Amino acid sequence: MLAYKQYVTIKDPSKIELSGLPFRVGQRVEVVMIAEDDDRTARVQELKALFRSTQALPQIKAITDEMIAEEVEAYRAGR
C-alpha cells in the first residue's frame, strides 16, 4: 500500500482539490480527512486541571508508594 500525505487549507467546504498526486489513472485510492485540532492547548489545560483535582482527593492521600508497588507487582504476576 502506498501512503501519501498532503496538507491543504479548506477554501470552500463543499469541495477540495488535490493536484500532483502520485497515483496512476484508474487506480483505486482511499481518502481519509483528519482536521487539525485547534483546541489542543485548551484540552491539555483541562486535563492538567483534572489531574490536580484528582490528586487532591482525600482517598488518594491514603495511597502509599508501597501500595502502588504492590499493585503493580500483583498485576505483573497476573493476580
C-alpha atoms as a PDB file:
ATOM      1  CA  MET A   1       0.000   0.000   0.000  1.00  0.00           C
ATOM      2  CA  LEU A   2       1.338   3.395  -0.936  1.00  0.00           C
ATOM      3  CA  ALA A   3       0.574   6.118   1.581  1.00  0.00           C
ATOM      4  CA  TYR A   4       0.618   9.742   0.534  1.00  0.00           C
ATOM      5  CA  LYS A   5       0.037  12.750   2.750  1.00  0.00           C
ATOM      6  CA  GLN A   6      -0.745  16.246   1.549  1.00  0.00           C
ATOM      7  CA  TYR A   7      -1.808  19.223   3.654  1.00  0.00           C
ATOM      8  CA  VAL A   8      -4.390  21.605   2.231  1.00  0.00           C
ATOM      9  CA  THR A   9      -6.314  24.554   3.617  1.00  0.00           C
ATOM     10  CA  ILE A  10     -10.056  24.450   3.062  1.00  0.00           C
ATOM     11  CA  LYS A  11     -11.192  27.408   0.996  1.00  0.00           C
ATOM     12  CA  ASP A  12     -14.623  26.072   0.035  1.00  0.00           C
ATOM     13  CA  PRO A  13     -16.161  23.496   2.430  1.00  0.00           C
ATOM     14  CA  SER A  14     -18.197  21.980  -0.413  1.00  0.00           C
ATOM     15  CA  LYS A  15     -15.128  20.765  -2.338  1.00  0.00           C
ATOM     16  CA  ILE A  16     -11.437  20.041  -2.041  1.00  0.00           C
ATOM     17  CA  GLU A  17      -8.889  19.943  -4.855  1.00  0.00           C
ATOM     18  CA  LEU A  18      -5.711  17.881  -4.807  1.00  0.00           C
ATOM     19  CA  SER A  19      -3.077  18.068  -7.526  1.00  0.00           C
ATOM     20  CA  GLY A  20       0.222  16.400  -8.300  1.00  0.00           C
ATOM     21  CA  LEU A  21      -0.826  13.066  -6.809  1.00  0.00           C
ATOM     22  CA  PRO A  22       1.493  10.061  -7.234  1.00  0.00           C
ATOM     23  CA  PHE A  23      -1.240   7.678  -8.451  1.00  0.00           C
ATOM     24  CA  ARG A  24      -1.987   6.307 -11.896  1.00  0.00           C
ATOM     25  CA  VAL A  25      -5.211   6.761 -13.844  1.00  0.00           C
ATOM     26  CA  GLY A  26      -7.864   4.286 -12.725  1.00  0.00           C
ATOM     27  CA  GLN A  27      -6.076   3.380  -9.504  1.00  0.00           C
ATOM     28  CA  ARG A  28      -8.454   2.996  -6.562  1.00  0.00           C
ATOM     29  CA  VAL A  29      -7.475   5.086  -3.519  1.00  0.00           C
ATOM     30  CA  GLU A  30      -8.926   5.619  -0.062  1.00  0.00           C
ATOM     31  CA  VAL A  31      -9.370   9.205   1.095  1.00  0.00           C
ATOM     32  CA  VAL A  32      -9.262   9.941   4.831  1.00  0.00           C
ATOM     33  CA  MET A  33      -9.546  13.507   6.094  1.00  0.00           C
ATOM     34  CA  ILE A  34      -8.419  14.494   9.578  1.00  0.00           C
ATOM     35  CA  ALA A  35      -8.748  18.100  10.697  1.00  0.00           C
ATOM     36  CA  GLU A  36      -6.068  19.650  12.873  1.00  0.00           C
ATOM     37  CA  ASP A  37      -7.196  20.173  16.439  1.00  0.00           C
ATOM     38  CA  ASP A  38      -7.378  23.917  17.117  1.00  0.00           C
ATOM     39  CA  ASP A  39      -8.392  23.360  20.759  1.00  0.00           C
ATOM     40  CA  ARG A  40      -5.432  21.182  21.779  1.00  0.00           C
ATOM     41  CA  THR A  41      -3.979  23.722  24.215  1.00  0.00           C
ATOM     42  CA  ALA A  42      -7.335  24.148  25.942  1.00  0.00           C
ATOM     43  CA  ARG A  43      -7.785  20.371  26.233  1.00  0.00           C
ATOM     44  CA  VAL A  44      -4.289  19.958  27.704  1.00  0.00           C
ATOM     45  CA  GLN A  45      -5.091  22.613  30.315  1.00  0.00           C
ATOM     46  CA  GLU A  46      -8.380  20.856  31.149  1.00  0.00           C
ATOM     47  CA  LEU A  47      -6.552  17.543  31.533  1.00  0.00           C
ATOM     48  CA  LYS A  48      -3.939  19.093  33.832  1.00  0.00           C
ATOM     49  CA  ALA A  49      -6.727  20.611  35.953  1.00  0.00           C
ATOM     50  CA  LEU A  50      -8.387  17.194  36.141  1.00  0.00           C
ATOM     51  CA  PHE A  51      -5.104  15.649  37.307  1.00  0.00           C
ATOM     52  CA  ARG A  52      -4.708  18.312  40.005  1.00  0.00           C
ATOM     53  CA  SER A  53      -8.270  17.828  41.287  1.00  0.00           C
ATOM     54  CA  THR A  54      -7.950  14.042  41.216  1.00  0.00           C
ATOM     55  CA  GLN A  55      -4.649  14.131  43.094  1.00  0.00           C
ATOM     56  CA  ALA A  56      -6.222  16.376  45.734  1.00  0.00           C
ATOM     57  CA  LEU A  57      -8.945  13.839  46.632  1.00  0.00           C
ATOM     58  CA  PRO A  58      -8.682  12.630  50.262  1.00  0.00           C
ATOM     59  CA  GLN A  59      -8.713   8.946  49.286  1.00  0.00           C
ATOM     60  CA  ILE A  60      -5.664   9.498  47.069  1.00  0.00           C
ATOM     61  CA  LYS A  61      -3.636  10.746  50.040  1.00  0.00           C
ATOM     62  CA  ALA A  62      -4.219   7.393  51.751  1.00  0.00           C
ATOM     63  CA  ILE A  63      -2.388   5.527  48.968  1.00  0.00           C
ATOM     64  CA  THR A  64       1.301   4.960  49.667  1.00  0.00           C
ATOM     65  CA  ASP A  65       4.147   4.236  47.274  1.00  0.00           C
ATOM     66  CA  GLU A  66       4.348   0.763  48.776  1.00  0.00           C
ATOM     67  CA  MET A  67       0.677   0.125  47.976  1.00  0.00           C
ATOM     68  CA  ILE A  68       1.251   1.224  44.380  1.00  0.00           C
ATOM     69  CA  ALA A  69       4.320  -1.038  44.085  1.00  0.00           C
ATOM     70  CA  GLU A  70       2.319  -3.986  45.463  1.00  0.00           C
ATOM     71  CA  GLU A  71      -0.492  -3.340  42.986  1.00  0.00           C
ATOM     72  CA  VAL A  72       1.955  -3.171  40.069  1.00  0.00           C
ATOM     73  CA  GLU A  73       3.637  -6.398  41.197  1.00  0.00           C
ATOM     74  CA  ALA A  74       0.275  -8.171  41.561  1.00  0.00           C
ATOM     75  CA  TYR A  75      -0.751  -7.046  38.074  1.00  0.00           C
ATOM     76  CA  ARG A  76       2.509  -8.231  36.555  1.00  0.00           C
ATOM     77  CA  ALA A  77       2.124 -11.578  38.345  1.00  0.00           C
ATOM     78  CA  GLY A  78      -1.381 -11.980  36.941  1.00  0.00           C
ATOM     79  CA  ARG A  79      -3.148 -11.755  40.299  1.00  0.00           C
END
